[in-house]
Amino acid sequence: MKVLVTGGAGFIGSHVCEHMLRDGHTVIVFDNLSSGKLSNIDGLFNQYPISFIKGDITSETDLQLIPACDAVVHLAAAISVIESMSNPRKYEETNVEGSRKVYEWAKSHGATTIVSASSAAVYGDAPPPLDESAANGGLSPYAQTKFEMEKVGRQFESLKCHYLRFFNVYGPRQDPTSPYTGAISIFMDRSTTNRDITVFGDGEQTRDFVSVSDVAAAIKMLITTPDLERQTLNVGTSSTISINELVDIILVITGSKSKVAHGDERAGEIKHSCANTDAIRRLGWAPNVELREGLGELVEWFVGQQ
């Protein structure tokens, strides 16, 4: 297959590219490099059939630079809950209208299957474990635009649009200096350099952390399974840990001397989040990376980067 990956130079996107290429598919990466990095995929160009087009999903002109593909992995998005609170227009233009342009491109260029990145944020503060029927739009403009993106895709009846609601994804290549990065990346960066760690709120908020390699495997499964009906699926582990517990584990496995302080709770963030993953498990996917194992591998990556 020839697969377009929007946001393919990003954290999750680069892992998706690797998974698809190793299975013998051809990949076209489309990325504006606002948060993605060519260094994430540089090592693939000499080994696999991969090409890169710099462009933005909000630009119809840029999208027309892309040749016809069989399938699309749509990951390009504005992704910060905090930023969305102060700049909701950016999130509407990118996550909703930009996605609409991607779906229109797919319809006119022969792509029949699209897997789009949604988010656990669409559940708002509903009580966990969260199944796919519990989505209500969320607490932030980011969450609301991801929920709206799902609705937009369902308007394209000729496309098989799948939506994966990612929980808290972590792993190598998640840039700790990015304003869009995740908690594990920040804590790992600070602990491996013995800098102080700030936990927002009381630290008793709980999260379902899922390895980026497991996320990429879920995407690949949906892209390469031809007989599936449209699916909206959680991608998580169905296990949770508090932020305080997470920090304690990271400090131990890194042997860090970092001190931990607490800051004000951040607007738009939820208290508890845990995926009900029954639906995606019935399709044959299950997480393979246990959190402590994944954190151990991530320490090695961070030390290597430093």
C-alpha atoms as a PDB file:
ATOM      1  CA  MET A   1       0.000   0.000   0.000  1.00  0.00           C
ATOM      2  CA  LYS A   2       0.948   3.624  -0.431  1.00  0.00           C
ATOM      3  CA  VAL A   3       0.127   5.401   2.844  1.00  0.00           C
ATOM      4  CA  LEU A   4       0.018   9.135   3.548  1.00  0.00           C
ATOM      5  CA  VAL A   5       0.952  10.084   7.120  1.00  0.00           C
ATOM      6  CA  THR A   6       0.040  13.653   8.027  1.00  0.00           C
ATOM      7  CA  GLY A   7       2.211  14.776  10.910  1.00  0.00           C
ATOM      8  CA  GLY A   8       4.551  11.930  10.025  1.00  0.00           C
ATOM      9  CA  ALA A   9       7.677  13.728  11.267  1.00  0.00           C
ATOM     10  CA  GLY A  10       6.201  14.031  14.756  1.00  0.00           C
ATOM     11  CA  PHE A  11       6.531  11.867  17.830  1.00  0.00           C
ATOM     12  CA  ILE A  12       3.750   9.388  17.083  1.00  0.00           C
ATOM     13  CA  GLY A  13       3.952   9.844  13.324  1.00  0.00           C
ATOM     14  CA  SER A  14       7.571   8.787  13.056  1.00  0.00           C
ATOM     15  CA  HIS A  15       6.820   5.518  14.861  1.00  0.00           C
ATOM     16  CA  VAL A  16       3.847   4.889  12.563  1.00  0.00           C
ATOM     17  CA  CYS A  17       6.109   5.412   9.548  1.00  0.00           C
ATOM     18  CA  GLU A  18       8.561   2.843  10.892  1.00  0.00           C
ATOM     19  CA  HIS A  19       5.840   0.262  11.505  1.00  0.00           C
ATOM     20  CA  MET A  20       4.348   0.685   8.037  1.00  0.00           C
ATOM     21  CA  LEU A  21       7.699   0.693   6.228  1.00  0.00           C
ATOM     22  CA  ARG A  22       8.940  -2.418   8.007  1.00  0.00           C
ATOM     23  CA  ASP A  23       5.851  -4.240   6.763  1.00  0.00           C
ATOM     24  CA  GLY A  24       6.702  -3.361   3.172  1.00  0.00           C
ATOM     25  CA  HIS A  25       4.412  -0.371   2.568  1.00  0.00           C
ATOM     26  CA  THR A  26       5.364   2.914   0.890  1.00  0.00           C
ATOM     27  CA  VAL A  27       4.985   6.055   3.005  1.00  0.00           C
ATOM     28  CA  ILE A  28       4.540   9.707   2.139  1.00  0.00           C
ATOM     29  CA  VAL A  29       5.099  12.077   5.062  1.00  0.00           C
ATOM     30  CA  PHE A  30       3.232  15.401   5.018  1.00  0.00           C
ATOM     31  CA  ASP A  31       4.252  17.743   7.832  1.00  0.00           C
ATOM     32  CA  ASN A  32       4.659  21.490   8.347  1.00  0.00           C
ATOM     33  CA  LEU A  33       7.456  20.855  10.882  1.00  0.00           C
ATOM     34  CA  SER A  34       5.891  23.178  13.452  1.00  0.00           C
ATOM     35  CA  SER A  35       6.422  20.495  16.073  1.00  0.00           C
ATOM     36  CA  GLY A  36       7.669  17.525  14.039  1.00  0.00           C
ATOM     37  CA  LYS A  37      11.352  17.128  13.187  1.00  0.00           C
ATOM     38  CA  LEU A  38      13.036  15.669  10.132  1.00  0.00           C
ATOM     39  CA  SER A  39      15.569  14.116  12.511  1.00  0.00           C
ATOM     40  CA  ASN A  40      12.765  11.791  13.674  1.00  0.00           C
ATOM     41  CA  ILE A  41      12.616  10.140  10.251  1.00  0.00           C
ATOM     42  CA  ASP A  42      16.056  10.875   8.740  1.00  0.00           C
ATOM     43  CA  GLY A  43      17.259   7.353   9.373  1.00  0.00           C
ATOM     44  CA  LEU A  44      14.469   5.883   7.240  1.00  0.00           C
ATOM     45  CA  PHE A  45      15.226   7.503   3.884  1.00  0.00           C
ATOM     46  CA  ASN A  46      18.187   5.314   2.930  1.00  0.00           C
ATOM     47  CA  GLN A  47      16.447   2.076   3.921  1.00  0.00           C
ATOM     48  CA  TYR A  48      12.814   2.344   2.867  1.00  0.00           C
ATOM     49  CA  PRO A  49      10.448   3.803   0.229  1.00  0.00           C
ATOM     50  CA  ILE A  50       9.582   7.005   2.091  1.00  0.00           C
ATOM     51  CA  SER A  51       9.241  10.572   0.798  1.00  0.00           C
ATOM     52  CA  PHE A  52       8.616  13.896   2.495  1.00  0.00           C
ATOM     53  CA  ILE A  53       6.435  16.854   1.526  1.00  0.00           C
ATOM     54  CA  LYS A  54       6.472  19.995   3.630  1.00  0.00           C
ATOM     55  CA  GLY A  55       2.976  21.384   3.907  1.00  0.00           C
ATOM     56  CA  ASP A  56       0.105  22.362   6.155  1.00  0.00           C
ATOM     57  CA  ILE A  57      -3.261  20.606   6.363  1.00  0.00           C
ATOM     58  CA  THR A  58      -5.030  23.971   6.465  1.00  0.00           C
ATOM     59  CA  SER A  59      -3.735  24.765   2.954  1.00  0.00           C
ATOM     60  CA  GLU A  60      -5.570  23.212   0.009  1.00  0.00           C
ATOM     61  CA  THR A  61      -2.642  24.287  -2.193  1.00  0.00           C
ATOM     62  CA  ASP A  62      -0.188  22.351  -0.036  1.00  0.00           C
ATOM     63  CA  LEU A  63      -2.409  19.268   0.001  1.00  0.00           C
ATOM     64  CA  GLN A  64      -2.522  19.216  -3.779  1.00  0.00           C
ATOM     65  CA  LEU A  65       1.237  18.516  -3.755  1.00  0.00           C
ATOM     66  CA  ILE A  66       0.502  15.005  -2.475  1.00  0.00           C
ATOM     67  CA  PRO A  67       0.146  12.182  -5.036  1.00  0.00           C
ATOM     68  CA  ALA A  68      -2.705   9.677  -4.817  1.00  0.00           C
ATOM     69  CA  CYS A  69      -2.493   7.170  -1.944  1.00  0.00           C
ATOM     70  CA  ASP A  70      -4.368   4.074  -0.850  1.00  0.00           C
ATOM     71  CA  ALA A  71      -4.811   5.092   2.781  1.00  0.00           C
ATOM     72  CA  VAL A  72      -4.234   7.982   5.172  1.00  0.00           C
ATOM     73  CA  VAL A  73      -3.005   8.148   8.755  1.00  0.00           C
ATOM     74  CA  HIS A  74      -4.120  11.585   9.898  1.00  0.00           C
ATOM     75  CA  LEU A  75      -2.065  12.730  12.881  1.00  0.00           C
ATOM     76  CA  ALA A  76      -1.394  16.394  12.073  1.00  0.00           C
ATOM     77  CA  ALA A  77      -3.113  18.573  14.657  1.00  0.00           C
ATOM     78  CA  ALA A  78      -2.783  21.300  17.244  1.00  0.00           C
ATOM     79  CA  ILE A  79      -2.452  19.304  20.463  1.00  0.00           C
ATOM     80  CA  SER A  80      -2.007  21.430  23.592  1.00  0.00           C
ATOM     81  CA  VAL A  81      -4.909  21.609  26.049  1.00  0.00           C
ATOM     82  CA  ILE A  82      -3.299  24.632  27.723  1.00  0.00           C
ATOM     83  CA  GLU A  83      -2.687  26.553  24.486  1.00  0.00           C
ATOM     84  CA  SER A  84      -6.211  25.841  23.293  1.00  0.00           C
ATOM     85  CA  MET A  85      -7.637  27.692  26.288  1.00  0.00           C
ATOM     86  CA  SER A  86      -6.029  30.941  25.121  1.00  0.00           C
ATOM     87  CA  ASN A  87      -6.122  30.387  21.344  1.00  0.00           C
ATOM     88  CA  PRO A  88      -9.256  28.377  20.505  1.00  0.00           C
ATOM     89  CA  ARG A  89      -9.407  29.747  16.951  1.00  0.00           C
ATOM     90  CA  LYS A  90      -6.144  28.014  16.042  1.00  0.00           C
ATOM     91  CA  TYR A  91      -7.619  24.705  17.194  1.00  0.00           C
ATOM     92  CA  GLU A  92     -10.815  25.173  15.189  1.00  0.00           C
ATOM     93  CA  GLU A  93      -8.861  26.049  12.035  1.00  0.00           C
ATOM     94  CA  THR A  94      -6.391  23.172  12.374  1.00  0.00           C
ATOM     95  CA  ASN A  95      -8.237  20.295  14.010  1.00  0.00           C
ATOM     96  CA  VAL A  96     -11.647  20.815  12.431  1.00  0.00           C
ATOM     97  CA  GLU A  97     -11.255  22.696   9.172  1.00  0.00           C
ATOM     98  CA  GLY A  98      -7.785  21.283   8.470  1.00  0.00           C
ATOM     99  CA  SER A  99      -9.121  17.768   8.977  1.00  0.00           C
ATOM    100  CA  ARG A 100     -12.041  18.525   6.679  1.00  0.00           C
ATOM    101  CA  LYS A 101      -9.528  19.456   3.958  1.00  0.00           C
ATOM    102  CA  VAL A 102      -7.636  16.190   4.525  1.00  0.00           C
ATOM    103  CA  TYR A 103     -10.851  14.181   4.141  1.00  0.00           C
ATOM    104  CA  GLU A 104     -11.779  16.123   1.002  1.00  0.00           C
ATOM    105  CA  TRP A 105      -8.315  15.422  -0.413  1.00  0.00           C
ATOM    106  CA  ALA A 106      -8.672  11.708   0.390  1.00  0.00           C
ATOM    107  CA  LYS A 107     -12.074  11.542  -1.314  1.00  0.00           C
ATOM    108  CA  SER A 108     -10.768  13.178  -4.483  1.00  0.00           C
ATOM    109  CA  HIS A 109      -7.498  11.190  -4.609  1.00  0.00           C
ATOM    110  CA  GLY A 110      -8.783   7.641  -4.199  1.00  0.00           C
ATOM    111  CA  ALA A 111      -7.841   6.929  -0.587  1.00  0.00           C
ATOM    112  CA  THR A 112     -10.525   4.744   0.943  1.00  0.00           C
ATOM    113  CA  THR A 113      -9.309   4.169   4.510  1.00  0.00           C
ATOM    114  CA  ILE A 114      -8.383   6.905   6.997  1.00  0.00           C
ATOM    115  CA  VAL A 115      -7.221   6.455  10.578  1.00  0.00           C
ATOM    116  CA  SER A 116      -7.411   9.739  12.493  1.00  0.00           C
ATOM    117  CA  ALA A 117      -5.945  10.610  15.867  1.00  0.00           C
ATOM    118  CA  SER A 118      -8.624  11.635  18.303  1.00  0.00           C
ATOM    119  CA  SER A 119      -8.095  11.947  22.054  1.00  0.00           C
ATOM    120  CA  ALA A 120      -9.255  10.722  25.438  1.00  0.00           C
ATOM    121  CA  ALA A 121      -9.858  14.414  26.158  1.00  0.00           C
ATOM    122  CA  VAL A 122     -13.229  14.096  24.365  1.00  0.00           C
ATOM    123  CA  TYR A 123     -14.592  12.336  27.471  1.00  0.00           C
ATOM    124  CA  GLY A 124     -14.191  15.375  29.684  1.00  0.00           C
ATOM    125  CA  ASP A 125     -14.501  14.496  33.352  1.00  0.00           C
ATOM    126  CA  ALA A 126     -16.755  11.471  32.870  1.00  0.00           C
ATOM    127  CA  PRO A 127     -16.064   8.738  35.440  1.00  0.00           C
ATOM    128  CA  PRO A 128     -13.603   6.060  34.273  1.00  0.00           C
ATOM    129  CA  PRO A 129     -13.209   3.485  32.864  1.00  0.00           C
ATOM    130  CA  LEU A 130     -14.291   5.296  29.735  1.00  0.00           C
ATOM    131  CA  ASP A 131     -15.967   3.420  26.913  1.00  0.00           C
ATOM    132  CA  GLU A 132     -16.482   4.886  23.470  1.00  0.00           C
ATOM    133  CA  SER A 133     -20.120   5.843  24.114  1.00  0.00           C
ATOM    134  CA  ALA A 134     -19.191   8.225  26.957  1.00  0.00           C
ATOM    135  CA  ALA A 135     -17.720  11.025  24.829  1.00  0.00           C
ATOM    136  CA  ASN A 136     -19.296  14.414  25.512  1.00  0.00           C
ATOM    137  CA  GLY A 137     -16.952  16.923  23.896  1.00  0.00           C
ATOM    138  CA  GLY A 138     -14.522  17.489  26.739  1.00  0.00           C
ATOM    139  CA  LEU A 139     -13.462  20.436  28.893  1.00  0.00           C
ATOM    140  CA  SER A 140     -11.149  22.379  26.564  1.00  0.00           C
ATOM    141  CA  PRO A 141     -11.214  23.772  23.031  1.00  0.00           C
ATOM    142  CA  TYR A 142      -8.648  21.100  22.144  1.00  0.00           C
ATOM    143  CA  ALA A 143     -11.027  18.353  23.279  1.00  0.00           C
ATOM    144  CA  GLN A 144     -14.017  19.967  21.635  1.00  0.00           C
ATOM    145  CA  THR A 145     -12.243  20.262  18.274  1.00  0.00           C
ATOM    146  CA  LYS A 146     -11.148  16.628  18.364  1.00  0.00           C
ATOM    147  CA  PHE A 147     -14.761  15.620  19.007  1.00  0.00           C
ATOM    148  CA  GLU A 148     -15.904  17.874  16.164  1.00  0.00           C
ATOM    149  CA  MET A 149     -13.251  16.340  13.877  1.00  0.00           C
ATOM    150  CA  GLU A 150     -14.862  12.938  14.391  1.00  0.00           C
ATOM    151  CA  LYS A 151     -18.243  14.359  13.382  1.00  0.00           C
ATOM    152  CA  VAL A 152     -16.766  15.956  10.246  1.00  0.00           C
ATOM    153  CA  GLY A 153     -15.255  12.677   9.080  1.00  0.00           C
ATOM    154  CA  ARG A 154     -18.566  10.857   9.419  1.00  0.00           C
ATOM    155  CA  GLN A 155     -20.016  13.190   6.803  1.00  0.00           C
ATOM    156  CA  PHE A 156     -17.796  11.554   4.155  1.00  0.00           C
ATOM    157  CA  GLU A 157     -19.823   8.441   3.460  1.00  0.00           C
ATOM    158  CA  SER A 158     -17.479   7.135   0.755  1.00  0.00           C
ATOM    159  CA  LEU A 159     -14.538   7.023   3.178  1.00  0.00           C
ATOM    160  CA  LYS A 160     -13.903   4.411   5.833  1.00  0.00           C
ATOM    161  CA  CYS A 161     -12.903   6.763   8.656  1.00  0.00           C
ATOM    162  CA  HIS A 162     -11.585   5.218  11.862  1.00  0.00           C
ATOM    163  CA  TYR A 163     -10.973   7.295  14.993  1.00  0.00           C
ATOM    164  CA  LEU A 164      -8.498   6.281  17.667  1.00  0.00           C
ATOM    165  CA  ARG A 165      -8.921   8.044  20.978  1.00  0.00           C
ATOM    166  CA  PHE A 166      -5.403   8.029  22.380  1.00  0.00           C
ATOM    167  CA  PHE A 167      -4.912   8.134  26.110  1.00  0.00           C
ATOM    168  CA  ASN A 168      -1.536   9.354  27.456  1.00  0.00           C
ATOM    169  CA  VAL A 169       1.068   8.320  24.901  1.00  0.00           C
ATOM    170  CA  TYR A 170       4.745   8.192  25.867  1.00  0.00           C
ATOM    171  CA  GLY A 171       7.995   6.942  24.380  1.00  0.00           C
ATOM    172  CA  PRO A 172      11.190   7.840  22.514  1.00  0.00           C
ATOM    173  CA  ARG A 173      11.206  11.024  20.392  1.00  0.00           C
ATOM    174  CA  GLN A 174       8.671  12.867  22.519  1.00  0.00           C
ATOM    175  CA  ASP A 175      10.480  16.190  22.771  1.00  0.00           C
ATOM    176  CA  PRO A 176      10.616  17.321  26.426  1.00  0.00           C
ATOM    177  CA  THR A 177      11.257  20.935  25.378  1.00  0.00           C
ATOM    178  CA  SER A 178       8.099  21.157  23.291  1.00  0.00           C
ATOM    179  CA  PRO A 179       5.122  23.027  24.803  1.00  0.00           C
ATOM    180  CA  TYR A 180       2.983  20.115  23.536  1.00  0.00           C
ATOM    181  CA  THR A 181       4.887  17.310  25.226  1.00  0.00           C
ATOM    182  CA  GLY A 182       3.600  14.812  27.791  1.00  0.00           C
ATOM    183  CA  ALA A 183       4.238  14.493  31.512  1.00  0.00           C
ATOM    184  CA  ILE A 184       6.492  11.439  31.269  1.00  0.00           C
ATOM    185  CA  SER A 185       8.789  13.162  28.799  1.00  0.00           C
ATOM    186  CA  ILE A 186       9.150  16.208  31.056  1.00  0.00           C
ATOM    187  CA  PHE A 187       9.688  14.179  34.215  1.00  0.00           C
ATOM    188  CA  MET A 188      12.213  11.919  32.497  1.00  0.00           C
ATOM    189  CA  ASP A 189      14.178  14.849  31.099  1.00  0.00           C
ATOM    190  CA  ARG A 190      14.357  16.583  34.461  1.00  0.00           C
ATOM    191  CA  SER A 191      15.146  13.487  36.496  1.00  0.00           C
ATOM    192  CA  THR A 192      17.987  12.355  34.210  1.00  0.00           C
ATOM    193  CA  THR A 193      19.577  15.803  34.586  1.00  0.00           C
ATOM    194  CA  ASN A 194      18.802  16.159  38.320  1.00  0.00           C
ATOM    195  CA  ARG A 195      16.629  19.245  37.847  1.00  0.00           C
ATOM    196  CA  ASP A 196      13.604  19.983  39.990  1.00  0.00           C
ATOM    197  CA  ILE A 197      10.237  18.550  38.931  1.00  0.00           C
ATOM    198  CA  THR A 198       6.946  20.447  39.160  1.00  0.00           C
ATOM    199  CA  VAL A 199       3.718  18.494  39.563  1.00  0.00           C
ATOM    200  CA  PHE A 200       0.624  20.547  38.817  1.00  0.00           C
ATOM    201  CA  GLY A 201      -2.170  20.117  41.341  1.00  0.00           C
ATOM    202  CA  ASP A 202      -1.983  17.620  44.194  1.00  0.00           C
ATOM    203  CA  GLY A 203      -0.539  14.856  42.029  1.00  0.00           C
ATOM    204  CA  GLU A 204      -3.382  12.494  42.837  1.00  0.00           C
ATOM    205  CA  GLN A 205      -4.799  12.785  39.327  1.00  0.00           C
ATOM    206  CA  THR A 206      -4.568   9.436  37.537  1.00  0.00           C
ATOM    207  CA  ARG A 207      -3.718   8.647  33.932  1.00  0.00           C
ATOM    208  CA  ASP A 208      -3.643   5.682  31.563  1.00  0.00           C
ATOM    209  CA  PHE A 209      -0.214   5.731  29.907  1.00  0.00           C
ATOM    210  CA  VAL A 210       0.261   3.793  26.663  1.00  0.00           C
ATOM    211  CA  SER A 211       3.503   3.166  24.779  1.00  0.00           C
ATOM    212  CA  VAL A 212       3.924   4.825  21.392  1.00  0.00           C
ATOM    213  CA  SER A 213       4.905   1.480  19.872  1.00  0.00           C
ATOM    214  CA  ASP A 214       1.550   0.034  20.955  1.00  0.00           C
ATOM    215  CA  VAL A 215      -0.230   3.060  19.488  1.00  0.00           C
ATOM    216  CA  ALA A 216       1.579   2.606  16.157  1.00  0.00           C
ATOM    217  CA  ALA A 217       0.609  -1.076  16.137  1.00  0.00           C
ATOM    218  CA  ALA A 218      -3.061  -0.151  16.626  1.00  0.00           C
ATOM    219  CA  ILE A 219      -2.930   2.283  13.718  1.00  0.00           C
ATOM    220  CA  LYS A 220      -1.248  -0.268  11.470  1.00  0.00           C
ATOM    221  CA  MET A 221      -3.875  -2.866  12.334  1.00  0.00           C
ATOM    222  CA  LEU A 222      -6.722  -0.605  11.228  1.00  0.00           C
ATOM    223  CA  ILE A 223      -4.958   0.521   8.060  1.00  0.00           C
ATOM    224  CA  THR A 224      -4.114  -3.003   6.959  1.00  0.00           C
ATOM    225  CA  THR A 225      -7.334  -4.828   7.907  1.00  0.00           C
ATOM    226  CA  PRO A 226      -9.564  -4.365   4.847  1.00  0.00           C
ATOM    227  CA  ASP A 227     -12.885  -5.745   6.066  1.00  0.00           C
ATOM    228  CA  LEU A 228     -13.409  -3.568   9.145  1.00  0.00           C
ATOM    229  CA  GLU A 229     -16.411  -1.300   9.390  1.00  0.00           C
ATOM    230  CA  ARG A 230     -15.893   2.247  10.627  1.00  0.00           C
ATOM    231  CA  GLN A 231     -14.519   2.166  14.153  1.00  0.00           C
ATOM    232  CA  THR A 232     -14.137   4.653  17.017  1.00  0.00           C
ATOM    233  CA  LEU A 233     -11.791   3.059  19.518  1.00  0.00           C
ATOM    234  CA  ASN A 234      -9.909   3.799  22.704  1.00  0.00           C
ATOM    235  CA  VAL A 235      -6.167   3.151  22.680  1.00  0.00           C
ATOM    236  CA  GLY A 236      -4.892   2.757  26.208  1.00  0.00           C
ATOM    237  CA  THR A 237      -4.005   0.025  28.666  1.00  0.00           C
ATOM    238  CA  SER A 238      -7.010   0.010  31.047  1.00  0.00           C
ATOM    239  CA  SER A 239      -4.517   0.541  33.889  1.00  0.00           C
ATOM    240  CA  THR A 240      -3.836   3.780  35.740  1.00  0.00           C
ATOM    241  CA  ILE A 241      -1.218   5.381  37.931  1.00  0.00           C
ATOM    242  CA  SER A 242      -1.254   8.632  39.876  1.00  0.00           C
ATOM    243  CA  ILE A 243       1.163  11.363  38.868  1.00  0.00           C
ATOM    244  CA  ASN A 244       2.768  11.193  42.311  1.00  0.00           C
ATOM    245  CA  GLU A 245       3.400   7.446  41.903  1.00  0.00           C
ATOM    246  CA  LEU A 246       4.726   7.996  38.402  1.00  0.00           C
ATOM    247  CA  VAL A 247       7.254  10.573  39.584  1.00  0.00           C
ATOM    248  CA  ASP A 248       8.399   8.294  42.396  1.00  0.00           C
ATOM    249  CA  ILE A 249       9.063   5.449  39.949  1.00  0.00           C
ATOM    250  CA  ILE A 250      10.951   7.703  37.540  1.00  0.00           C
ATOM    251  CA  LEU A 251      13.133   9.074  40.347  1.00  0.00           C
ATOM    252  CA  VAL A 252      14.004   5.535  41.438  1.00  0.00           C
ATOM    253  CA  ILE A 253      14.831   4.094  38.013  1.00  0.00           C
ATOM    254  CA  THR A 254      16.919   7.136  37.064  1.00  0.00           C
ATOM    255  CA  GLY A 255      18.654   7.387  40.455  1.00  0.00           C
ATOM    256  CA  SER A 256      17.804  11.051  40.355  1.00  0.00           C
ATOM    257  CA  LYS A 257      18.449  13.729  42.959  1.00  0.00           C
ATOM    258  CA  SER A 258      15.638  15.912  41.600  1.00  0.00           C
ATOM    259  CA  LYS A 259      13.333  17.581  44.104  1.00  0.00           C
ATOM    260  CA  VAL A 260       9.562  17.587  43.590  1.00  0.00           C
ATOM    261  CA  ALA A 261       7.355  20.654  44.073  1.00  0.00           C
ATOM    262  CA  HIS A 262       3.648  21.185  43.444  1.00  0.00           C
ATOM    263  CA  GLY A 263       2.167  23.990  41.368  1.00  0.00           C
ATOM    264  CA  ASP A 264      -1.354  25.232  40.753  1.00  0.00           C
ATOM    265  CA  GLU A 265      -3.793  22.909  39.026  1.00  0.00           C
ATOM    266  CA  ARG A 266      -4.040  23.711  35.307  1.00  0.00           C
ATOM    267  CA  ALA A 267      -7.291  24.806  33.671  1.00  0.00           C
ATOM    268  CA  GLY A 268      -8.940  22.338  31.314  1.00  0.00           C
ATOM    269  CA  GLU A 269      -7.293  19.244  32.734  1.00  0.00           C
ATOM    270  CA  ILE A 270      -9.284  16.316  34.072  1.00  0.00           C
ATOM    271  CA  LYS A 271      -8.778  14.481  37.367  1.00  0.00           C
ATOM    272  CA  HIS A 272      -8.999  10.808  36.388  1.00  0.00           C
ATOM    273  CA  SER A 273      -8.671   9.055  33.038  1.00  0.00           C
ATOM    274  CA  CYS A 274      -8.710   5.344  32.196  1.00  0.00           C
ATOM    275  CA  ALA A 275      -9.593   3.566  28.963  1.00  0.00           C
ATOM    276  CA  ASN A 276     -12.061   0.768  28.524  1.00  0.00           C
ATOM    277  CA  THR A 277     -10.228  -1.099  25.754  1.00  0.00           C
ATOM    278  CA  ASP A 278     -12.665  -3.979  25.254  1.00  0.00           C
ATOM    279  CA  ALA A 279     -13.628  -2.853  21.750  1.00  0.00           C
ATOM    280  CA  ILE A 280     -10.134  -2.692  20.277  1.00  0.00           C
ATOM    281  CA  ARG A 281      -9.079  -5.900  22.032  1.00  0.00           C
ATOM    282  CA  ARG A 282     -11.917  -7.712  20.268  1.00  0.00           C
ATOM    283  CA  LEU A 283     -10.226  -6.762  16.985  1.00  0.00           C
ATOM    284  CA  GLY A 284      -6.999  -8.455  18.059  1.00  0.00           C
ATOM    285  CA  TRP A 285      -4.977  -5.573  19.495  1.00  0.00           C
ATOM    286  CA  ALA A 286      -3.628  -5.457  23.034  1.00  0.00           C
ATOM    287  CA  PRO A 287      -0.870  -3.371  24.641  1.00  0.00           C
ATOM    288  CA  ASN A 288       2.450  -5.191  24.764  1.00  0.00           C
ATOM    289  CA  VAL A 289       4.563  -2.729  26.758  1.00  0.00           C
ATOM    290  CA  GLU A 290       4.071  -2.594  30.529  1.00  0.00           C
ATOM    291  CA  LEU A 291       4.665   0.870  32.013  1.00  0.00           C
ATOM    292  CA  ARG A 292       7.775   0.071  34.045  1.00  0.00           C
ATOM    293  CA  GLU A 293       9.297  -1.710  31.051  1.00  0.00           C
ATOM    294  CA  GLY A 294       8.523   1.260  28.822  1.00  0.00           C
ATOM    295  CA  LEU A 295       9.989   3.709  31.322  1.00  0.00           C
ATOM    296  CA  GLY A 296      13.160   1.660  31.528  1.00  0.00           C
ATOM    297  CA  GLU A 297      13.572   1.759  27.756  1.00  0.00           C
ATOM    298  CA  LEU A 298      12.852   5.476  27.765  1.00  0.00           C
ATOM    299  CA  VAL A 299      15.626   6.147  30.284  1.00  0.00           C
ATOM    300  CA  GLU A 300      18.089   4.599  27.858  1.00  0.00           C
ATOM    301  CA  TRP A 301      16.825   6.815  25.045  1.00  0.00           C
ATOM    302  CA  PHE A 302      17.069   9.984  27.143  1.00  0.00           C
ATOM    303  CA  VAL A 303      20.577   9.171  28.317  1.00  0.00           C
ATOM    304  CA  GLY A 304      21.597   8.482  24.729  1.00  0.00           C
ATOM    305  CA  GLN A 305      20.184  11.837  23.603  1.00  0.00           C
ATOM    306  CA  GLN A 306      22.020  13.679  26.337  1.00  0.00           C
END
